[in-house]
Amino acid sequence: MKIFLSGITGSMGHVIMDTVKENTLSEDKVVAGFAGRNTEIDGIKVYGYLDDVAEDFDVIIDFSNKFCTSDVVSFALKKKKPLVIATTGMDDEVVDFIKEASDKIPIVFSQNMSMGVNALDIILDKLSKMLDDFDIEIIEKHHNQKVDSPSGTAKMLFNTISKNREVYPVYDRTPFHEKRKKEEVGISVIRGGTITGEHSVIFAGEDEVLEIKHSAGSKKIFAKGAIKAAHFLKDKEKGLYNMQDVLGVK
């Protein structure tokens, strides 16, 4: 499979290229990429302008940033190629554009490419129904270079909860001088050091607490998930898919 990698010069771009190289049993290959300037990485052409791309490819993986996503989606539409979007923190208008584009091309769009996180999300869907009297809190931790807050994964987890309960998010209780409301889901954000990513969901009931947690040991888990999603899209019809589709849960 020939991959066009948007965000190729970023940290996740390097991880994806390393992951592809390490899997010697696969025929996957990054054939070109997109970044903020024209350059070259390990013999791979990197374009500063998507209109200049000359290489043929099978699928696009986007690990760039939220300001580039619309351009990458437009590029995928122009080329009529499948698209994996792993970028987070984008505005609602961009999300709407992604949904519109999926009427013409197949797209996997997920706030987290980790297979473990998506398994946690499936469990969360069940628990938020079963433990309907429990208070729920979300805690997310990331490295000190992460820009968006809260994480896209934390938002994904909250959205799963909100499908089963009438709740609203609370991001900061510092100025509050009142008791917690039942409809609240607190989302706490920690930024520090080189934490790759940790997400915990706490269910607090009367005299008992249940916590489910996922810890990322390295960014390689996101690369593996994105590559798996790319293979999933190869023969798919137009439509909007997520990682649960990729894992065969739906």
Protein backbone atom coordinates (compact mmCIF):
# COMPACT_ATOMS: atom_id res chain seq x y z
CA MET A 1 0.00 0.00 0.00
CA LYS A 2 1.37 3.39 -1.02
CA ILE A 3 0.80 6.05 1.65
CA PHE A 4 0.74 9.83 1.32
CA LEU A 5 1.56 11.23 4.77
CA SER A 6 0.30 14.65 5.79
CA GLY A 7 2.31 15.99 8.71
CA ILE A 8 5.33 13.95 7.68
CA THR A 9 7.87 16.24 9.41
CA GLY A 10 6.04 16.19 12.75
CA SER A 11 6.65 13.74 15.58
CA MET A 12 3.84 11.39 14.50
CA GLY A 13 5.03 11.57 10.90
CA HIS A 14 8.41 10.23 11.95
CA VAL A 15 6.77 7.52 14.07
CA ILE A 16 4.63 6.34 11.15
CA MET A 17 7.62 6.17 8.83
CA ASP A 18 9.61 4.21 11.42
CA THR A 19 6.66 1.86 12.00
CA VAL A 20 6.31 1.21 8.26
CA LYS A 21 10.04 0.50 7.93
CA GLU A 22 10.06 -1.88 10.91
CA ASN A 23 7.30 -4.05 9.47
CA THR A 24 9.42 -5.87 6.90
CA LEU A 25 6.63 -8.35 6.17
CA SER A 26 4.39 -5.59 4.84
CA GLU A 27 4.48 -3.95 1.41
CA ASP A 28 3.44 -0.60 2.89
CA LYS A 29 5.49 2.38 1.78
CA VAL A 30 5.33 6.14 2.38
CA VAL A 31 5.77 7.58 -1.11
CA ALA A 32 5.40 11.31 -0.41
CA GLY A 33 4.34 13.75 2.26
CA PHE A 34 3.03 17.20 3.11
CA ALA A 35 4.51 19.76 5.51
CA GLY A 36 5.02 23.49 5.73
CA ARG A 37 7.85 23.58 3.21
CA ASN A 38 9.40 21.69 0.33
CA THR A 39 12.07 19.31 1.56
CA GLU A 40 13.08 15.66 1.55
CA ILE A 41 13.19 13.00 4.29
CA ASP A 42 15.03 9.73 3.74
CA GLY A 43 14.65 10.13 0.00
CA ILE A 44 10.91 10.86 0.29
CA LYS A 45 9.63 14.02 -1.37
CA VAL A 46 7.91 16.43 1.01
CA TYR A 47 5.64 19.09 -0.48
CA GLY A 48 4.86 22.52 0.92
CA TYR A 49 1.86 22.84 -1.41
CA LEU A 50 -0.60 20.04 -2.00
CA ASP A 51 -1.29 21.24 -5.56
CA ASP A 52 2.26 20.28 -6.47
CA VAL A 53 2.00 16.60 -5.50
CA ALA A 54 2.95 14.38 -8.45
CA GLU A 55 3.23 10.90 -6.90
CA ASP A 56 0.50 8.29 -7.11
CA PHE A 57 -0.70 6.72 -3.87
CA ASP A 58 -3.45 4.54 -2.41
CA VAL A 59 -4.42 6.36 0.78
CA ILE A 60 -3.78 9.55 2.75
CA ILE A 61 -2.95 9.55 6.48
CA ASP A 62 -3.29 12.96 8.11
CA PHE A 63 -1.33 13.61 11.30
CA SER A 64 -0.76 17.32 10.64
CA ASN A 65 -2.61 20.00 12.64
CA LYS A 66 -6.10 21.43 12.80
CA PHE A 67 -5.22 24.39 10.56
CA CYS A 68 -4.27 22.07 7.67
CA THR A 69 -7.11 19.56 7.87
CA SER A 70 -9.50 21.38 5.52
CA ASP A 71 -6.79 21.58 2.86
CA VAL A 72 -5.99 17.89 3.28
CA VAL A 73 -9.67 16.95 2.94
CA SER A 74 -9.94 19.08 -0.22
CA PHE A 75 -6.82 17.35 -1.55
CA ALA A 76 -8.34 13.92 -0.88
CA LEU A 77 -11.53 14.94 -2.69
CA LYS A 78 -9.55 16.23 -5.67
CA LYS A 79 -7.52 13.01 -5.87
CA LYS A 80 -10.54 10.82 -4.99
CA LYS A 81 -8.46 8.93 -2.42
CA PRO A 82 -9.37 7.35 0.94
CA LEU A 83 -8.41 9.45 3.95
CA VAL A 84 -7.46 8.63 7.56
CA ILE A 85 -7.78 11.70 9.79
CA ALA A 86 -5.91 11.42 13.08
CA THR A 87 -5.55 15.15 13.69
CA THR A 88 -7.40 16.54 16.73
CA GLY A 89 -8.56 19.89 18.10
CA MET A 90 -10.31 21.11 14.94
CA ASP A 91 -13.30 23.45 14.85
CA ASP A 92 -16.88 22.31 14.28
CA GLU A 93 -16.82 23.81 10.78
CA VAL A 94 -13.95 21.52 9.80
CA VAL A 95 -15.72 18.50 11.30
CA ASP A 96 -18.79 19.37 9.24
CA PHE A 97 -16.60 19.56 6.12
CA ILE A 98 -15.20 16.10 6.90
CA LYS A 99 -18.73 14.73 7.16
CA GLU A 100 -19.69 16.34 3.84
CA ALA A 101 -16.58 14.93 2.17
CA SER A 102 -17.44 11.42 3.35
CA ASP A 103 -20.43 11.52 0.99
CA LYS A 104 -17.88 11.27 -1.83
CA ILE A 105 -14.85 9.39 -0.43
CA PRO A 106 -14.24 6.89 2.40
CA ILE A 107 -12.87 8.53 5.55
CA VAL A 108 -11.82 7.14 8.91
CA PHE A 109 -12.08 9.95 11.45
CA SER A 110 -11.19 9.26 15.07
CA GLN A 111 -10.00 11.35 18.00
CA ASN A 112 -7.67 8.51 18.96
CA MET A 113 -6.12 5.84 16.74
CA SER A 114 -5.17 3.52 19.61
CA MET A 115 -6.94 0.17 19.57
CA GLY A 116 -6.81 0.09 23.39
CA VAL A 117 -8.47 3.49 23.78
CA ASN A 118 -11.26 2.46 21.44
CA ALA A 119 -11.76 -0.72 23.44
CA LEU A 120 -12.03 1.50 26.55
CA ASP A 121 -14.63 3.60 24.74
CA ILE A 122 -16.71 0.51 24.01
CA ILE A 123 -16.59 -0.49 27.68
CA LEU A 124 -17.47 3.07 28.70
CA ASP A 125 -20.60 2.95 26.57
CA LYS A 126 -21.80 -0.07 28.51
CA LEU A 127 -20.78 1.18 31.95
CA SER A 128 -22.40 4.59 31.56
CA LYS A 129 -25.70 2.76 31.02
CA MET A 130 -25.23 0.17 33.77
CA LEU A 131 -23.96 2.52 36.49
CA ASP A 132 -26.53 5.24 35.95
CA ASP A 133 -26.44 6.41 39.60
CA PHE A 134 -22.65 6.87 39.65
CA ASP A 135 -20.92 10.21 39.20
CA ILE A 136 -18.44 10.25 36.30
CA GLU A 137 -15.17 12.14 36.02
CA ILE A 138 -12.58 12.11 33.21
CA ILE A 139 -8.88 12.78 33.75
CA GLU A 140 -6.45 13.17 30.86
CA LYS A 141 -2.67 13.64 30.99
CA HIS A 142 -0.29 14.61 28.18
CA HIS A 143 3.18 16.03 27.57
CA ASN A 144 3.90 19.72 27.99
CA GLN A 145 4.06 20.35 24.24
CA LYS A 146 0.44 19.38 23.51
CA VAL A 147 -1.51 22.37 22.27
CA ASP A 148 -5.19 21.41 22.37
CA SER A 149 -6.98 21.01 25.69
CA PRO A 150 -8.87 18.96 26.64
CA SER A 151 -7.61 16.18 24.40
CA GLY A 152 -9.68 14.93 21.51
CA THR A 153 -9.82 11.58 23.28
CA ALA A 154 -11.31 13.14 26.41
CA LYS A 155 -13.97 14.74 24.21
CA MET A 156 -14.60 11.39 22.52
CA LEU A 157 -15.09 9.71 25.90
CA PHE A 158 -17.45 12.46 27.05
CA ASN A 159 -19.48 12.13 23.85
CA THR A 160 -19.89 8.41 24.52
CA ILE A 161 -21.21 9.17 28.00
CA SER A 162 -23.54 11.87 26.68
CA LYS A 163 -25.19 9.35 24.34
CA ASN A 164 -26.48 7.51 27.38
CA ARG A 165 -27.09 10.34 29.87
CA GLU A 166 -28.20 13.95 29.92
CA VAL A 167 -24.90 15.46 31.04
CA TYR A 168 -22.70 18.47 30.40
CA PRO A 169 -18.92 18.91 30.77
CA VAL A 170 -17.28 20.96 33.51
CA TYR A 171 -13.67 21.88 32.78
CA ASP A 172 -12.70 23.89 35.83
CA ARG A 173 -14.30 23.95 39.27
CA THR A 174 -11.88 26.49 40.76
CA PRO A 175 -14.35 29.42 41.03
CA PHE A 176 -17.24 27.19 42.14
CA HIS A 177 -18.69 27.41 45.65
CA GLU A 178 -21.41 24.83 45.37
CA LYS A 179 -21.81 21.09 45.40
CA ARG A 180 -21.37 19.00 42.30
CA LYS A 181 -24.51 18.55 40.21
CA LYS A 182 -25.55 15.08 39.11
CA GLU A 183 -25.51 16.10 35.45
CA GLU A 184 -21.87 17.17 35.55
CA VAL A 185 -18.98 15.25 34.06
CA GLY A 186 -15.76 16.82 35.24
CA ILE A 187 -12.91 16.82 32.71
CA SER A 188 -9.53 17.44 34.32
CA VAL A 189 -6.44 18.24 32.24
CA ILE A 190 -2.80 17.65 33.18
CA ARG A 191 0.14 18.79 31.05
CA GLY A 192 3.69 17.92 31.99
CA GLY A 193 6.98 16.33 31.02
CA THR A 194 6.91 13.73 28.28
CA ILE A 195 3.67 11.92 29.16
CA THR A 196 2.60 10.24 25.92
CA GLY A 197 -1.03 10.02 26.95
CA GLU A 198 -3.17 8.75 29.82
CA HIS A 199 -6.95 8.73 30.09
CA SER A 200 -8.97 7.65 33.11
CA VAL A 201 -12.71 7.52 33.62
CA ILE A 202 -13.85 7.34 37.23
CA PHE A 203 -17.27 6.03 38.26
CA ALA A 204 -17.91 7.12 41.85
CA GLY A 205 -20.92 5.63 43.61
CA GLU A 206 -21.99 5.28 47.20
CA ASP A 207 -19.17 3.50 49.05
CA GLU A 208 -17.51 2.25 45.86
CA VAL A 209 -15.36 3.54 43.01
CA LEU A 210 -14.63 1.99 39.64
CA GLU A 211 -11.85 3.37 37.43
CA ILE A 212 -10.99 2.37 33.88
CA LYS A 213 -7.70 3.64 32.49
CA HIS A 214 -5.56 3.57 29.38
CA SER A 215 -1.87 4.50 29.27
CA ALA A 216 0.10 4.99 26.07
CA GLY A 217 3.65 3.67 26.33
CA SER A 218 4.72 5.31 23.07
CA LYS A 219 3.28 7.06 20.05
CA LYS A 220 3.75 3.88 18.05
CA ILE A 221 0.30 2.67 19.13
CA PHE A 222 -1.29 5.58 17.24
CA ALA A 223 0.81 4.87 14.16
CA LYS A 224 -0.19 1.20 14.14
CA GLY A 225 -3.84 2.14 14.49
CA ALA A 226 -3.65 4.67 11.65
CA ILE A 227 -1.98 2.15 9.35
CA LYS A 228 -4.63 -0.45 10.25
CA ALA A 229 -7.30 2.15 9.43
CA ALA A 230 -5.62 2.84 6.08
CA HIS A 231 -5.79 -0.85 5.16
CA PHE A 232 -9.44 -0.93 6.27
CA LEU A 233 -10.28 1.86 3.82
CA LYS A 234 -8.55 0.37 0.81
CA ASP A 235 -11.64 -1.36 -0.62
CA LYS A 236 -14.34 0.63 1.17
CA GLU A 237 -17.10 2.64 -0.44
CA LYS A 238 -17.66 6.29 0.41
CA GLY A 239 -18.70 6.95 4.01
CA LEU A 240 -17.58 8.13 7.43
CA TYR A 241 -16.00 5.44 9.59
CA ASN A 242 -14.32 5.35 13.00
CA MET A 243 -11.90 3.03 14.79
CA GLN A 244 -14.69 0.81 16.07
CA ASP A 245 -15.54 0.11 12.44
CA VAL A 246 -11.87 -0.64 11.81
CA LEU A 247 -11.82 -3.06 14.76
CA GLY A 248 -14.93 -4.79 13.45
CA VAL A 249 -17.11 -3.94 16.44
CA LYS A 250 -19.93 -2.37 14.42
